[in-house]
Amino acid sequence: ALWDPVADKFFALLMYGFIHYVGVAPNWFCLIVMLRHFSQILCVPILSWWLKRKFYAKPRQLPKWITAITFTYLFMPLYLQEINIFVTQKSLFPFMMLVTLGELYLLITYVPRLILIARGKHDTFE
């Protein structure tokens, strides 16, 4: 149950790095998405190996939807270019803002839970 979300985080990091590299998304956008995924990947070795904390991942529906929207954005610019629809960052800006707000929400709600788990006061990421 723990390794599936970790694999998702690695996939998101690689793909958002790729769309940044090819110039489909701006720096600030990729940075926000990658920051959330990278910080969540780092929690596994820090909590499990260094602090020796047991924790569980039981995501709620909203984080699952936000992740689905984030992954959908990965393929939109690439797919639209593949079928010869000219895509600019401006044309995807509304969707980009939706992803950004979702990612910021997840990051903001994740950090306090990480602190509680690190202190031994909680054991579940929701």
Foldseek 3Di string as FASTA:
>chain_A
DVVVLLVLLVVLLVLLVVCVVVPQEDPVLSCLSNVLSVVVNVLCCCLCPVLVFAAEEDDDPLLVVLSVLSVVVSCVVVVCVVVPNDDHNVVCVVSSVSSNVSSVVSSVVQVVVSVCRSVVNDHYDD
